[in-house]
Amino acid sequence: MAGTWVKHKRYYLVRVLGGQYSAHRLVYFLRNNQDPGLYDVIHEPFNYKRDNRENLHLIPRNERKIY
Protein backbone atom coordinates (compact mmCIF):
# COMPACT_ATOMS: atom_id res chain seq x y z
CA MET A 1 0.00 0.00 0.00
CA ALA A 2 1.29 3.45 -0.91
CA GLY A 3 -0.22 6.92 -1.01
CA THR A 4 0.49 10.33 -2.43
CA TRP A 5 -0.88 13.86 -1.97
CA VAL A 6 -2.48 15.16 -5.17
CA LYS A 7 -2.16 18.93 -4.81
CA HIS A 8 -4.52 20.00 -7.60
CA LYS A 9 -7.27 17.68 -6.30
CA ARG A 10 -6.49 18.39 -2.61
CA TYR A 11 -6.61 14.79 -1.38
CA TYR A 12 -4.53 11.65 -1.01
CA LEU A 13 -4.64 8.81 -3.49
CA VAL A 14 -3.86 5.34 -2.16
CA ARG A 15 -2.90 2.21 -4.08
CA VAL A 16 -4.22 -1.01 -2.58
CA LEU A 17 -4.21 -4.46 -4.20
CA GLY A 18 -3.64 -3.06 -7.66
CA GLY A 19 -6.36 -0.40 -7.45
CA GLN A 20 -6.14 3.35 -6.86
CA TYR A 21 -8.59 5.01 -4.46
CA SER A 22 -9.17 8.35 -2.78
CA ALA A 23 -8.00 8.02 0.83
CA HIS A 24 -11.07 9.79 2.23
CA ARG A 25 -13.39 7.32 0.46
CA LEU A 26 -11.41 4.38 1.88
CA VAL A 27 -11.51 5.89 5.37
CA TYR A 28 -15.26 6.47 5.10
CA PHE A 29 -15.80 2.87 3.98
CA LEU A 30 -13.59 1.37 6.68
CA ARG A 31 -15.01 3.52 9.49
CA ASN A 32 -18.69 3.31 8.56
CA ASN A 33 -18.83 -0.10 6.87
CA GLN A 34 -20.70 1.58 4.02
CA ASP A 35 -19.58 2.02 0.42
CA PRO A 36 -20.04 5.69 -0.54
CA GLY A 37 -21.03 4.53 -4.03
CA LEU A 38 -22.27 7.42 -6.15
CA TYR A 39 -22.09 9.90 -3.28
CA ASP A 40 -19.24 12.34 -2.72
CA VAL A 41 -17.38 12.13 0.56
CA ILE A 42 -16.73 15.63 1.83
CA HIS A 43 -14.42 16.90 4.55
CA GLU A 44 -15.72 19.29 7.14
CA PRO A 45 -14.61 21.85 8.04
CA PHE A 46 -12.71 21.77 4.74
CA ASN A 47 -9.67 20.06 6.22
CA TYR A 48 -8.64 17.89 3.29
CA LYS A 49 -5.50 16.46 4.88
CA ARG A 50 -7.28 14.90 7.86
CA ASP A 51 -9.61 11.98 7.31
CA ASN A 52 -11.33 11.94 10.69
CA ARG A 53 -14.47 9.84 10.73
CA GLU A 54 -16.46 12.59 12.42
CA ASN A 55 -15.50 15.05 9.68
CA LEU A 56 -16.42 12.92 6.66
CA HIS A 57 -19.95 13.16 5.29
CA LEU A 58 -21.80 11.92 2.23
CA ILE A 59 -23.64 14.24 -0.12
CA PRO A 60 -25.29 13.51 -3.48
CA ARG A 61 -22.96 14.51 -6.31
CA ASN A 62 -25.55 16.85 -7.82
CA GLU A 63 -25.61 18.83 -4.53
CA ARG A 64 -21.86 19.35 -4.44
CA LYS A 65 -21.16 23.05 -4.85
CA ILE A 66 -18.16 24.45 -3.01
CA TYR A 67 -16.46 21.29 -1.74
PDB file of N, CA and C in Angstrom:
ATOM      1  N   MET A   1       0.848  -1.167   0.000  1.00  0.00           N
ATOM      2  CA  MET A   1       0.000   0.000   0.000  1.00  0.00           C
ATOM      3  C   MET A   1       0.899   1.236   0.000  1.00  0.00           C
ATOM      4  N   ALA A   2       0.541   2.201  -0.835  1.00  0.00           N
ATOM      5  CA  ALA A   2       1.289   3.449  -0.914  1.00  0.00           C
ATOM      6  C   ALA A   2       0.314   4.578  -1.216  1.00  0.00           C
ATOM      7  N   GLY A   3       0.660   5.779  -0.767  1.00  0.00           N
ATOM      8  CA  GLY A   3      -0.216   6.917  -1.008  1.00  0.00           C
ATOM      9  C   GLY A   3       0.564   8.144  -1.410  1.00  0.00           C
ATOM     10  N   THR A   4      -0.136   9.088  -2.020  1.00  0.00           N
ATOM     11  CA  THR A   4       0.486  10.328  -2.434  1.00  0.00           C
ATOM     12  C   THR A   4      -0.521  11.467  -2.374  1.00  0.00           C
ATOM     13  N   TRP A   5      -0.043  12.655  -2.021  1.00  0.00           N
ATOM     14  CA  TRP A   5      -0.879  13.860  -1.966  1.00  0.00           C
ATOM     15  C   TRP A   5      -1.007  14.412  -3.382  1.00  0.00           C
ATOM     16  N   VAL A   6      -2.231  14.605  -3.845  1.00  0.00           N
ATOM     17  CA  VAL A   6      -2.480  15.164  -5.166  1.00  0.00           C
ATOM     18  C   VAL A   6      -2.901  16.616  -4.959  1.00  0.00           C
ATOM     19  N   LYS A   7      -1.961  17.514  -5.162  1.00  0.00           N
ATOM     20  CA  LYS A   7      -2.158  18.930  -4.810  1.00  0.00           C
ATOM     21  C   LYS A   7      -3.334  19.560  -5.544  1.00  0.00           C
ATOM     22  N   HIS A   8      -3.450  19.345  -6.844  1.00  0.00           N
ATOM     23  CA  HIS A   8      -4.520  20.001  -7.598  1.00  0.00           C
ATOM     24  C   HIS A   8      -5.909  19.454  -7.270  1.00  0.00           C
ATOM     25  N   LYS A   9      -5.975  18.246  -6.722  1.00  0.00           N
ATOM     26  CA  LYS A   9      -7.268  17.683  -6.302  1.00  0.00           C
ATOM     27  C   LYS A   9      -7.504  17.833  -4.805  1.00  0.00           C
ATOM     28  N   ARG A  10      -6.448  18.157  -4.061  1.00  0.00           N
ATOM     29  CA  ARG A  10      -6.493  18.387  -2.612  1.00  0.00           C
ATOM     30  C   ARG A  10      -6.904  17.155  -1.809  1.00  0.00           C
ATOM     31  N   TYR A  11      -6.428  15.988  -2.198  1.00  0.00           N
ATOM     32  CA  TYR A  11      -6.614  14.795  -1.379  1.00  0.00           C
ATOM     33  C   TYR A  11      -5.547  13.764  -1.693  1.00  0.00           C
ATOM     34  N   TYR A  12      -5.483  12.744  -0.828  1.00  0.00           N
ATOM     35  CA  TYR A  12      -4.534  11.654  -1.006  1.00  0.00           C
ATOM     36  C   TYR A  12      -5.125  10.577  -1.891  1.00  0.00           C
ATOM     37  N   LEU A  13      -4.292  10.005  -2.739  1.00  0.00           N
ATOM     38  CA  LEU A  13      -4.641   8.811  -3.494  1.00  0.00           C
ATOM     39  C   LEU A  13      -3.842   7.661  -2.911  1.00  0.00           C
ATOM     40  N   VAL A  14      -4.485   6.513  -2.767  1.00  0.00           N
ATOM     41  CA  VAL A  14      -3.861   5.340  -2.160  1.00  0.00           C
ATOM     42  C   VAL A  14      -3.976   4.170  -3.128  1.00  0.00           C
ATOM     43  N   ARG A  15      -2.887   3.427  -3.262  1.00  0.00           N
ATOM     44  CA  ARG A  15      -2.904   2.212  -4.080  1.00  0.00           C
ATOM     45  C   ARG A  15      -2.991   1.007  -3.157  1.00  0.00           C
ATOM     46  N   VAL A  16      -3.997   0.183  -3.396  1.00  0.00           N
ATOM     47  CA  VAL A  16      -4.225  -1.013  -2.584  1.00  0.00           C
ATOM     48  C   VAL A  16      -4.607  -2.157  -3.514  1.00  0.00           C
ATOM     49  N   LEU A  17      -3.889  -3.260  -3.432  1.00  0.00           N
ATOM     50  CA  LEU A  17      -4.207  -4.461  -4.197  1.00  0.00           C
ATOM     51  C   LEU A  17      -4.426  -4.175  -5.675  1.00  0.00           C
ATOM     52  N   GLY A  18      -3.577  -3.344  -6.238  1.00  0.00           N
ATOM     53  CA  GLY A  18      -3.641  -3.064  -7.665  1.00  0.00           C
ATOM     54  C   GLY A  18      -4.629  -1.989  -8.075  1.00  0.00           C
ATOM     55  N   GLY A  19      -5.403  -1.463  -7.141  1.00  0.00           N
ATOM     56  CA  GLY A  19      -6.356  -0.397  -7.450  1.00  0.00           C
ATOM     57  C   GLY A  19      -5.904   0.922  -6.861  1.00  0.00           C
ATOM     58  N   GLN A  20      -6.459   2.009  -7.367  1.00  0.00           N
ATOM     59  CA  GLN A  20      -6.135   3.346  -6.860  1.00  0.00           C
ATOM     60  C   GLN A  20      -7.423   3.987  -6.355  1.00  0.00           C
ATOM     61  N   TYR A  21      -7.386   4.503  -5.116  1.00  0.00           N
ATOM     62  CA  TYR A  21      -8.586   5.013  -4.458  1.00  0.00           C
ATOM     63  C   TYR A  21      -8.291   6.320  -3.741  1.00  0.00           C
ATOM     64  N   SER A  22      -9.290   7.144  -3.597  1.00  0.00           N
ATOM     65  CA  SER A  22      -9.168   8.349  -2.776  1.00  0.00           C
ATOM     66  C   SER A  22      -9.134   7.915  -1.318  1.00  0.00           C
ATOM     67  N   ALA A  23      -8.167   8.434  -0.566  1.00  0.00           N
ATOM     68  CA  ALA A  23      -8.003   8.017   0.829  1.00  0.00           C
ATOM     69  C   ALA A  23      -9.258   8.308   1.648  1.00  0.00           C
ATOM     70  N   HIS A  24      -9.890   9.451   1.429  1.00  0.00           N
ATOM     71  CA  HIS A  24     -11.066   9.793   2.233  1.00  0.00           C
ATOM     72  C   HIS A  24     -12.225   8.836   1.963  1.00  0.00           C
ATOM     73  N   ARG A  25     -12.337   8.307   0.750  1.00  0.00           N
ATOM     74  CA  ARG A  25     -13.388   7.320   0.461  1.00  0.00           C
ATOM     75  C   ARG A  25     -13.079   5.990   1.151  1.00  0.00           C
ATOM     76  N   LEU A  26     -11.801   5.603   1.165  1.00  0.00           N
ATOM     77  CA  LEU A  26     -11.412   4.380   1.884  1.00  0.00           C
ATOM     78  C   LEU A  26     -11.666   4.521   3.378  1.00  0.00           C
ATOM     79  N   VAL A  27     -11.288   5.658   3.942  1.00  0.00           N
ATOM     80  CA  VAL A  27     -11.507   5.888   5.375  1.00  0.00           C
ATOM     81  C   VAL A  27     -12.999   5.843   5.685  1.00  0.00           C
ATOM     82  N   TYR A  28     -13.812   6.488   4.864  1.00  0.00           N
ATOM     83  CA  TYR A  28     -15.261   6.474   5.095  1.00  0.00           C
ATOM     84  C   TYR A  28     -15.783   5.035   5.082  1.00  0.00           C
ATOM     85  N   PHE A  29     -15.370   4.257   4.084  1.00  0.00           N
ATOM     86  CA  PHE A  29     -15.805   2.866   3.977  1.00  0.00           C
ATOM     87  C   PHE A  29     -15.373   2.042   5.188  1.00  0.00           C
ATOM     88  N   LEU A  30     -14.108   2.165   5.569  1.00  0.00           N
ATOM     89  CA  LEU A  30     -13.595   1.371   6.684  1.00  0.00           C
ATOM     90  C   LEU A  30     -14.210   1.774   8.024  1.00  0.00           C
ATOM     91  N   ARG A  31     -14.468   3.038   8.219  1.00  0.00           N
ATOM     92  CA  ARG A  31     -15.013   3.525   9.494  1.00  0.00           C
ATOM     93  C   ARG A  31     -16.515   3.322   9.626  1.00  0.00           C
ATOM     94  N   ASN A  32     -17.229   3.378   8.508  1.00  0.00           N
ATOM     95  CA  ASN A  32     -18.694   3.309   8.563  1.00  0.00           C
ATOM     96  C   ASN A  32     -19.265   2.005   8.024  1.00  0.00           C
ATOM     97  N   ASN A  33     -18.387   1.154   7.463  1.00  0.00           N
ATOM     98  CA  ASN A  33     -18.828  -0.103   6.873  1.00  0.00           C
ATOM     99  C   ASN A  33     -19.915   0.133   5.820  1.00  0.00           C
ATOM    100  N   GLN A  34     -19.732   1.201   5.051  1.00  0.00           N
ATOM    101  CA  GLN A  34     -20.696   1.580   4.022  1.00  0.00           C
ATOM    102  C   GLN A  34     -19.934   2.118   2.821  1.00  0.00           C
ATOM    103  N   ASP A  35     -20.195   1.542   1.652  1.00  0.00           N
ATOM    104  CA  ASP A  35     -19.580   2.018   0.416  1.00  0.00           C
ATOM    105  C   ASP A  35     -20.237   3.339   0.031  1.00  0.00           C
ATOM    106  N   PRO A  36     -19.443   4.411  -0.168  1.00  0.00           N
ATOM    107  CA  PRO A  36     -20.036   5.691  -0.540  1.00  0.00           C
ATOM    108  C   PRO A  36     -20.697   5.672  -1.913  1.00  0.00           C
ATOM    109  N   GLY A  37     -20.372   4.684  -2.736  1.00  0.00           N
ATOM    110  CA  GLY A  37     -21.033   4.525  -4.029  1.00  0.00           C
ATOM    111  C   GLY A  37     -20.997   5.786  -4.874  1.00  0.00           C
ATOM    112  N   LEU A  38     -22.166   6.256  -5.277  1.00  0.00           N
ATOM    113  CA  LEU A  38     -22.269   7.419  -6.149  1.00  0.00           C
ATOM    114  C   LEU A  38     -22.278   8.739  -5.392  1.00  0.00           C
ATOM    115  N   TYR A  39     -22.134   8.677  -4.088  1.00  0.00           N
ATOM    116  CA  TYR A  39     -22.094   9.904  -3.281  1.00  0.00           C
ATOM    117  C   TYR A  39     -20.664  10.430  -3.194  1.00  0.00           C
ATOM    118  N   ASP A  40     -20.533  11.732  -3.003  1.00  0.00           N
ATOM    119  CA  ASP A  40     -19.236  12.341  -2.720  1.00  0.00           C
ATOM    120  C   ASP A  40     -19.001  12.316  -1.223  1.00  0.00           C
ATOM    121  N   VAL A  41     -17.778  12.053  -0.839  1.00  0.00           N
ATOM    122  CA  VAL A  41     -17.376  12.127   0.563  1.00  0.00           C
ATOM    123  C   VAL A  41     -16.720  13.490   0.745  1.00  0.00           C
ATOM    124  N   ILE A  42     -17.277  14.300   1.620  1.00  0.00           N
ATOM    125  CA  ILE A  42     -16.728  15.634   1.827  1.00  0.00           C
ATOM    126  C   ILE A  42     -16.097  15.733   3.204  1.00  0.00           C
ATOM    127  N   HIS A  43     -15.126  16.630   3.307  1.00  0.00           N
ATOM    128  CA  HIS A  43     -14.420  16.897   4.554  1.00  0.00           C
ATOM    129  C   HIS A  43     -14.987  18.158   5.179  1.00  0.00           C
ATOM    130  N   GLU A  44     -15.315  18.086   6.427  1.00  0.00           N
ATOM    131  CA  GLU A  44     -15.723  19.291   7.143  1.00  0.00           C
ATOM    132  C   GLU A  44     -14.837  19.416   8.357  1.00  0.00           C
ATOM    133  N   PRO A  45     -14.389  20.552   8.690  1.00  0.00           N
ATOM    134  CA  PRO A  45     -14.607  21.845   8.041  1.00  0.00           C
ATOM    135  C   PRO A  45     -13.542  22.154   7.001  1.00  0.00           C
ATOM    136  N   PHE A  46     -13.607  21.547   5.872  1.00  0.00           N
ATOM    137  CA  PHE A  46     -12.708  21.773   4.735  1.00  0.00           C
ATOM    138  C   PHE A  46     -11.253  21.479   5.054  1.00  0.00           C
ATOM    139  N   ASN A  47     -11.030  20.463   5.873  1.00  0.00           N
ATOM    140  CA  ASN A  47      -9.671  20.060   6.222  1.00  0.00           C
ATOM    141  C   ASN A  47      -9.350  18.801   5.418  1.00  0.00           C
ATOM    142  N   TYR A  48      -8.822  18.983   4.226  1.00  0.00           N
ATOM    143  CA  TYR A  48      -8.644  17.886   3.288  1.00  0.00           C
ATOM    144  C   TYR A  48      -7.518  16.923   3.661  1.00  0.00           C
ATOM    145  N   LYS A  49      -6.630  17.333   4.528  1.00  0.00           N
ATOM    146  CA  LYS A  49      -5.504  16.463   4.878  1.00  0.00           C
ATOM    147  C   LYS A  49      -5.790  15.580   6.088  1.00  0.00           C
ATOM    148  N   ARG A  50      -6.953  15.717   6.695  1.00  0.00           N
ATOM    149  CA  ARG A  50      -7.276  14.899   7.858  1.00  0.00           C
ATOM    150  C   ARG A  50      -8.564  14.136   7.586  1.00  0.00           C
ATOM    151  N   ASP A  51      -8.451  12.827   7.591  1.00  0.00           N
ATOM    152  CA  ASP A  51      -9.606  11.977   7.306  1.00  0.00           C
ATOM    153  C   ASP A  51     -10.224  11.438   8.592  1.00  0.00           C
ATOM    154  N   ASN A  52     -10.659  12.341   9.457  1.00  0.00           N
ATOM    155  CA  ASN A  52     -11.326  11.936  10.691  1.00  0.00           C
ATOM    156  C   ASN A  52     -12.743  11.485  10.381  1.00  0.00           C
ATOM    157  N   ARG A  53     -13.142  10.395  10.987  1.00  0.00           N
ATOM    158  CA  ARG A  53     -14.474   9.845  10.727  1.00  0.00           C
ATOM    159  C   ARG A  53     -15.571  10.862  11.001  1.00  0.00           C
ATOM    160  N   GLU A  54     -15.424  11.628  12.063  1.00  0.00           N
ATOM    161  CA  GLU A  54     -16.458  12.592  12.425  1.00  0.00           C
ATOM    162  C   GLU A  54     -16.555  13.745  11.430  1.00  0.00           C
ATOM    163  N   ASN A  55     -15.520  13.943  10.621  1.00  0.00           N
ATOM    164  CA  ASN A  55     -15.499  15.055   9.682  1.00  0.00           C
ATOM    165  C   ASN A  55     -15.794  14.648   8.244  1.00  0.00           C
ATOM    166  N   LEU A  56     -16.100  13.390   8.010  1.00  0.00           N
ATOM    167  CA  LEU A  56     -16.416  12.919   6.663  1.00  0.00           C
ATOM    168  C   LEU A  56     -17.919  12.688   6.547  1.00  0.00           C
ATOM    169  N   HIS A  57     -18.510  13.261   5.493  1.00  0.00           N
ATOM    170  CA  HIS A  57     -19.952  13.162   5.290  1.00  0.00           C
ATOM    171  C   HIS A  57     -20.246  12.857   3.830  1.00  0.00           C
ATOM    172  N   LEU A  58     -21.367  12.202   3.594  1.00  0.00           N
ATOM    173  CA  LEU A  58     -21.804  11.915   2.230  1.00  0.00           C
ATOM    174  C   LEU A  58     -22.789  12.973   1.762  1.00  0.00           C
ATOM    175  N   ILE A  59     -22.642  13.375   0.514  1.00  0.00           N
ATOM    176  CA  ILE A  59     -23.645  14.236  -0.122  1.00  0.00           C
ATOM    177  C   ILE A  59     -23.851  13.734  -1.543  1.00  0.00           C
ATOM    178  N   PRO A  60     -25.066  13.875  -2.077  1.00  0.00           N
ATOM    179  CA  PRO A  60     -25.287  13.509  -3.482  1.00  0.00           C
ATOM    180  C   PRO A  60     -24.410  14.370  -4.387  1.00  0.00           C
ATOM    181  N   ARG A  61     -23.875  13.778  -5.429  1.00  0.00           N
ATOM    182  CA  ARG A  61     -22.958  14.508  -6.313  1.00  0.00           C
ATOM    183  C   ARG A  61     -23.608  15.749  -6.950  1.00  0.00           C
ATOM    184  N   ASN A  62     -24.895  15.687  -7.195  1.00  0.00           N
ATOM    185  CA  ASN A  62     -25.550  16.846  -7.817  1.00  0.00           C
ATOM    186  C   ASN A  62     -25.743  17.994  -6.839  1.00  0.00           C
ATOM    187  N   GLU A  63     -25.499  17.766  -5.533  1.00  0.00           N
ATOM    188  CA  GLU A  63     -25.609  18.827  -4.532  1.00  0.00           C
ATOM    189  C   GLU A  63     -24.254  19.411  -4.164  1.00  0.00           C
ATOM    190  N   ARG A  64     -23.211  18.873  -4.744  1.00  0.00           N
ATOM    191  CA  ARG A  64     -21.859  19.348  -4.440  1.00  0.00           C
ATOM    192  C   ARG A  64     -21.655  20.709  -5.111  1.00  0.00           C
ATOM    193  N   LYS A  65     -21.320  21.696  -4.304  1.00  0.00           N
ATOM    194  CA  LYS A  65     -21.164  23.046  -4.847  1.00  0.00           C
ATOM    195  C   LYS A  65     -19.778  23.589  -4.578  1.00  0.00           C
ATOM    196  N   ILE A  66     -19.428  23.788  -3.326  1.00  0.00           N
ATOM    197  CA  ILE A  66     -18.157  24.449  -3.014  1.00  0.00           C
ATOM    198  C   ILE A  66     -17.112  23.492  -2.473  1.00  0.00           C
ATOM    199  N   TYR A  67     -17.403  22.214  -2.354  1.00  0.00           N
ATOM    200  CA  TYR A  67     -16.462  21.288  -1.742  1.00  0.00           C
ATOM    201  C   TYR A  67     -15.413  20.858  -2.733  1.00  0.00           C
TER     202      TYR A  67
END
